[in-house]
């Protein structure tokens, strides 16, 4: 589980996110400071899934 800071419209939020299955399957590592793409649940905006690590 990772705490990810998300900035939307100038407001900062913290989302608790886990790594998606495909990223786990291909051994893609996430380090502090990485820029990632999140999928956020519409039911709970404080939880999400990391689906992509930008280079």
PDB file of N, CA and C in Angstrom:
ATOM      1  N   UNK A   1       0.846  -1.174   0.000  1.00  0.00           N
ATOM      2  CA  UNK A   1       0.000   0.000   0.000  1.00  0.00           C
ATOM      3  C   UNK A   1       0.893   1.239   0.000  1.00  0.00           C
ATOM      4  N   UNK A   2       0.479   2.226  -0.760  1.00  0.00           N
ATOM      5  CA  UNK A   2       1.222   3.472  -0.896  1.00  0.00           C
ATOM      6  C   UNK A   2       0.296   4.640  -0.608  1.00  0.00           C
ATOM      7  N   UNK A   3       0.852   5.687  -0.002  1.00  0.00           N
ATOM      8  CA  UNK A   3       0.123   6.940   0.138  1.00  0.00           C
ATOM      9  C   UNK A   3       0.536   7.804  -1.044  1.00  0.00           C
ATOM     10  N   UNK A   4      -0.438   8.219  -1.833  1.00  0.00           N
ATOM     11  CA  UNK A   4      -0.181   8.985  -3.048  1.00  0.00           C
ATOM     12  C   UNK A   4      -0.822  10.353  -2.892  1.00  0.00           C
ATOM     13  N   UNK A   5      -0.036  11.418  -3.146  1.00  0.00           N
ATOM     14  CA  UNK A   5      -0.567  12.778  -3.122  1.00  0.00           C
ATOM     15  C   UNK A   5      -1.118  13.110  -4.498  1.00  0.00           C
ATOM     16  N   UNK A   6      -2.383  13.536  -4.532  1.00  0.00           N
ATOM     17  CA  UNK A   6      -3.064  13.863  -5.782  1.00  0.00           C
ATOM     18  C   UNK A   6      -3.442  15.336  -5.733  1.00  0.00           C
ATOM     19  N   UNK A   7      -3.127  16.064  -6.814  1.00  0.00           N
ATOM     20  CA  UNK A   7      -3.493  17.470  -6.890  1.00  0.00           C
ATOM     21  C   UNK A   7      -4.553  17.638  -7.972  1.00  0.00           C
ATOM     22  N   UNK A   8      -5.741  18.073  -7.559  1.00  0.00           N
ATOM     23  CA  UNK A   8      -6.857  18.272  -8.485  1.00  0.00           C
ATOM     24  C   UNK A   8      -7.353  19.704  -8.326  1.00  0.00           C
ATOM     25  N   UNK A   9      -7.201  20.486  -9.374  1.00  0.00           N
ATOM     26  CA  UNK A   9      -7.694  21.865  -9.324  1.00  0.00           C
ATOM     27  C   UNK A   9      -7.027  22.707  -8.258  1.00  0.00           C
ATOM     28  N   UNK A  10      -5.767  22.449  -7.963  1.00  0.00           N
ATOM     29  CA  UNK A  10      -5.053  23.205  -6.947  1.00  0.00           C
ATOM     30  C   UNK A  10      -5.232  22.676  -5.536  1.00  0.00           C
ATOM     31  N   UNK A  11      -6.117  21.707  -5.337  1.00  0.00           N
ATOM     32  CA  UNK A  11      -6.330  21.105  -4.016  1.00  0.00           C
ATOM     33  C   UNK A  11      -5.581  19.792  -3.925  1.00  0.00           C
ATOM     34  N   UNK A  12      -4.913  19.565  -2.790  1.00  0.00           N
ATOM     35  CA  UNK A  12      -4.170  18.319  -2.595  1.00  0.00           C
ATOM     36  C   UNK A  12      -4.976  17.342  -1.760  1.00  0.00           C
ATOM     37  N   UNK A  13      -4.964  16.079  -2.183  1.00  0.00           N
ATOM     38  CA  UNK A  13      -5.614  14.996  -1.457  1.00  0.00           C
ATOM     39  C   UNK A  13      -4.620  13.861  -1.316  1.00  0.00           C
ATOM     40  N   UNK A  14      -4.789  13.045  -0.304  1.00  0.00           N
ATOM     41  CA  UNK A  14      -3.964  11.862  -0.118  1.00  0.00           C
ATOM     42  C   UNK A  14      -4.835  10.634  -0.322  1.00  0.00           C
ATOM     43  N   UNK A  15      -4.357   9.730  -1.200  1.00  0.00           N
ATOM     44  CA  UNK A  15      -5.099   8.522  -1.543  1.00  0.00           C
ATOM     45  C   UNK A  15      -4.257   7.325  -1.131  1.00  0.00           C
ATOM     46  N   UNK A  16      -4.877   6.341  -0.514  1.00  0.00           N
ATOM     47  CA  UNK A  16      -4.209   5.094  -0.174  1.00  0.00           C
ATOM     48  C   UNK A  16      -4.392   4.153  -1.357  1.00  0.00           C
ATOM     49  N   UNK A  17      -3.282   3.759  -2.005  1.00  0.00           N
ATOM     50  CA  UNK A  17      -3.381   2.992  -3.252  1.00  0.00           C
ATOM     51  C   UNK A  17      -2.520   1.740  -3.190  1.00  0.00           C
ATOM     52  N   UNK A  18      -2.953   0.713  -3.916  1.00  0.00           N
ATOM     53  CA  UNK A  18      -2.164  -0.509  -4.056  1.00  0.00           C
ATOM     54  C   UNK A  18      -1.792  -0.691  -5.530  1.00  0.00           C
ATOM     55  N   UNK A  19      -0.810  -1.542  -5.783  1.00  0.00           N
ATOM     56  CA  UNK A  19      -0.316  -1.777  -7.140  1.00  0.00           C
ATOM     57  C   UNK A  19      -1.248  -2.758  -7.837  1.00  0.00           C
ATOM     58  N   UNK A  20      -1.566  -2.484  -9.103  1.00  0.00           N
ATOM     59  CA  UNK A  20      -2.472  -3.355  -9.850  1.00  0.00           C
ATOM     60  C   UNK A  20      -1.814  -4.703 -10.136  1.00  0.00           C
ATOM     61  N   UNK A  21      -2.631  -5.665 -10.494  1.00  0.00           N
ATOM     62  CA  UNK A  21      -2.166  -7.032 -10.713  1.00  0.00           C
ATOM     63  C   UNK A  21      -1.158  -7.171 -11.835  1.00  0.00           C
ATOM     64  N   UNK A  22      -1.372  -6.456 -12.962  1.00  0.00           N
ATOM     65  CA  UNK A  22      -0.439  -6.560 -14.094  1.00  0.00           C
ATOM     66  C   UNK A  22       0.926  -5.990 -13.727  1.00  0.00           C
ATOM     67  N   UNK A  23       0.948  -4.897 -12.951  1.00  0.00           N
ATOM     68  CA  UNK A  23       2.228  -4.320 -12.535  1.00  0.00           C
ATOM     69  C   UNK A  23       2.944  -5.266 -11.582  1.00  0.00           C
ATOM     70  N   UNK A  24       2.187  -5.926 -10.718  1.00  0.00           N
ATOM     71  CA  UNK A  24       2.767  -6.890  -9.787  1.00  0.00           C
ATOM     72  C   UNK A  24       3.295  -8.102 -10.549  1.00  0.00           C
ATOM     73  N   UNK A  25       2.550  -8.520 -11.579  1.00  0.00           N
ATOM     74  CA  UNK A  25       2.925  -9.686 -12.374  1.00  0.00           C
ATOM     75  C   UNK A  25       4.237  -9.453 -13.135  1.00  0.00           C
ATOM     76  N   UNK A  26       4.446  -8.211 -13.606  1.00  0.00           N
ATOM     77  CA  UNK A  26       5.639  -7.885 -14.387  1.00  0.00           C
ATOM     78  C   UNK A  26       6.749  -7.269 -13.538  1.00  0.00           C
ATOM     79  N   UNK A  27       6.621  -7.355 -12.205  1.00  0.00           N
ATOM     80  CA  UNK A  27       7.652  -6.920 -11.248  1.00  0.00           C
ATOM     81  C   UNK A  27       8.052  -5.460 -11.444  1.00  0.00           C
ATOM     82  N   UNK A  28       7.085  -4.585 -11.699  1.00  0.00           N
ATOM     83  CA  UNK A  28       7.359  -3.158 -11.840  1.00  0.00           C
ATOM     84  C   UNK A  28       7.403  -2.555 -10.441  1.00  0.00           C
ATOM     85  N   UNK A  29       8.531  -1.946 -10.108  1.00  0.00           N
ATOM     86  CA  UNK A  29       8.736  -1.397  -8.768  1.00  0.00           C
ATOM     87  C   UNK A  29       8.284   0.059  -8.715  1.00  0.00           C
ATOM     88  N   UNK A  30       7.708   0.442  -7.604  1.00  0.00           N
ATOM     89  CA  UNK A  30       7.292   1.817  -7.348  1.00  0.00           C
ATOM     90  C   UNK A  30       8.172   2.357  -6.229  1.00  0.00           C
ATOM     91  N   UNK A  31       8.805   3.507  -6.478  1.00  0.00           N
ATOM     92  CA  UNK A  31       9.677   4.138  -5.498  1.00  0.00           C
ATOM     93  C   UNK A  31       9.103   5.497  -5.103  1.00  0.00           C
ATOM     94  N   UNK A  32       9.460   6.000  -3.926  1.00  0.00           N
ATOM     95  CA  UNK A  32       9.012   7.343  -3.542  1.00  0.00           C
ATOM     96  C   UNK A  32       9.496   8.374  -4.561  1.00  0.00           C
ATOM     97  N   UNK A  33       8.605   9.245  -4.973  1.00  0.00           N
ATOM     98  CA  UNK A  33       8.937  10.266  -5.967  1.00  0.00           C
ATOM     99  C   UNK A  33       8.507   9.913  -7.376  1.00  0.00           C
ATOM    100  N   UNK A  34       8.094   8.668  -7.621  1.00  0.00           N
ATOM    101  CA  UNK A  34       7.623   8.268  -8.946  1.00  0.00           C
ATOM    102  C   UNK A  34       6.285   8.942  -9.247  1.00  0.00           C
ATOM    103  N   UNK A  35       6.095   9.284 -10.513  1.00  0.00           N
ATOM    104  CA  UNK A  35       4.817   9.835 -10.971  1.00  0.00           C
ATOM    105  C   UNK A  35       4.004   8.671 -11.503  1.00  0.00           C
ATOM    106  N   UNK A  36       2.793   8.499 -10.995  1.00  0.00           N
ATOM    107  CA  UNK A  36       1.979   7.336 -11.339  1.00  0.00           C
ATOM    108  C   UNK A  36       0.593   7.779 -11.804  1.00  0.00           C
ATOM    109  N   UNK A  37      -0.099   6.849 -12.469  1.00  0.00           N
ATOM    110  CA  UNK A  37      -1.496   7.042 -12.855  1.00  0.00           C
ATOM    111  C   UNK A  37      -2.355   6.197 -11.928  1.00  0.00           C
ATOM    112  N   UNK A  38      -3.425   6.799 -11.429  1.00  0.00           N
ATOM    113  CA  UNK A  38      -4.299   6.124 -10.464  1.00  0.00           C
ATOM    114  C   UNK A  38      -5.678   5.875 -11.049  1.00  0.00           C
ATOM    115  N   UNK A  39      -6.293   4.797 -10.604  1.00  0.00           N
ATOM    116  CA  UNK A  39      -7.726   4.587 -10.781  1.00  0.00           C
ATOM    117  C   UNK A  39      -8.327   4.707  -9.391  1.00  0.00           C
ATOM    118  N   UNK A  40      -9.311   5.584  -9.248  1.00  0.00           N
ATOM    119  CA  UNK A  40      -9.918   5.822  -7.942  1.00  0.00           C
ATOM    120  C   UNK A  40     -11.349   5.303  -7.964  1.00  0.00           C
ATOM    121  N   UNK A  41     -11.731   4.637  -6.898  1.00  0.00           N
ATOM    122  CA  UNK A  41     -13.082   4.103  -6.777  1.00  0.00           C
ATOM    123  C   UNK A  41     -14.093   5.246  -6.623  1.00  0.00           C
ATOM    124  N   UNK A  42     -15.209   5.191  -7.340  1.00  0.00           N
ATOM    125  CA  UNK A  42     -16.221   6.246  -7.167  1.00  0.00           C
ATOM    126  C   UNK A  42     -16.942   6.151  -5.820  1.00  0.00           C
ATOM    127  N   UNK A  43     -16.837   5.011  -5.156  1.00  0.00           N
ATOM    128  CA  UNK A  43     -17.513   4.807  -3.876  1.00  0.00           C
ATOM    129  C   UNK A  43     -16.683   5.296  -2.699  1.00  0.00           C
ATOM    130  N   UNK A  44     -15.353   5.175  -2.806  1.00  0.00           N
ATOM    131  CA  UNK A  44     -14.459   5.610  -1.731  1.00  0.00           C
ATOM    132  C   UNK A  44     -13.313   6.374  -2.374  1.00  0.00           C
ATOM    133  N   UNK A  45     -13.342   7.700  -2.290  1.00  0.00           N
ATOM    134  CA  UNK A  45     -12.340   8.530  -2.962  1.00  0.00           C
ATOM    135  C   UNK A  45     -11.002   8.547  -2.241  1.00  0.00           C
ATOM    136  N   UNK A  46     -10.887   7.846  -1.118  1.00  0.00           N
ATOM    137  CA  UNK A  46      -9.628   7.787  -0.379  1.00  0.00           C
ATOM    138  C   UNK A  46      -8.819   6.549  -0.719  1.00  0.00           C
ATOM    139  N   UNK A  47      -9.327   5.682  -1.594  1.00  0.00           N
ATOM    140  CA  UNK A  47      -8.622   4.460  -1.982  1.00  0.00           C
ATOM    141  C   UNK A  47      -8.536   4.384  -3.493  1.00  0.00           C
ATOM    142  N   UNK A  48      -7.444   3.755  -3.974  1.00  0.00           N
ATOM    143  CA  UNK A  48      -7.278   3.641  -5.418  1.00  0.00           C
ATOM    144  C   UNK A  48      -6.306   2.543  -5.788  1.00  0.00           C
ATOM    145  N   UNK A  49      -6.037   2.457  -7.091  1.00  0.00           N
ATOM    146  CA  UNK A  49      -5.153   1.434  -7.644  1.00  0.00           C
ATOM    147  C   UNK A  49      -4.141   2.129  -8.547  1.00  0.00           C
ATOM    148  N   UNK A  50      -2.860   1.808  -8.385  1.00  0.00           N
ATOM    149  CA  UNK A  50      -1.805   2.340  -9.247  1.00  0.00           C
ATOM    150  C   UNK A  50      -1.765   1.466 -10.491  1.00  0.00           C
ATOM    151  N   UNK A  51      -2.008   2.069 -11.667  1.00  0.00           N
ATOM    152  CA  UNK A  51      -2.078   1.285 -12.894  1.00  0.00           C
ATOM    153  C   UNK A  51      -0.915   1.554 -13.843  1.00  0.00           C
ATOM    154  N   UNK A  52      -0.151   2.645 -13.625  1.00  0.00           N
ATOM    155  CA  UNK A  52       0.933   2.974 -14.549  1.00  0.00           C
ATOM    156  C   UNK A  52       1.973   3.814 -13.828  1.00  0.00           C
ATOM    157  N   UNK A  53       3.242   3.529 -14.072  1.00  0.00           N
ATOM    158  CA  UNK A  53       4.341   4.352 -13.552  1.00  0.00           C
ATOM    159  C   UNK A  53       4.937   5.099 -14.722  1.00  0.00           C
ATOM    160  N   UNK A  54       4.880   6.424 -14.691  1.00  0.00           N
ATOM    161  CA  UNK A  54       5.399   7.234 -15.793  1.00  0.00           C
ATOM    162  C   UNK A  54       6.908   7.295 -15.716  1.00  0.00           C
ATOM    163  N   UNK A  55       7.534   7.358 -16.870  1.00  0.00           N
ATOM    164  CA  UNK A  55       8.999   7.357 -16.941  1.00  0.00           C
ATOM    165  C   UNK A  55       9.583   8.718 -16.659  1.00  0.00           C
TER     166      UNK A  55
END
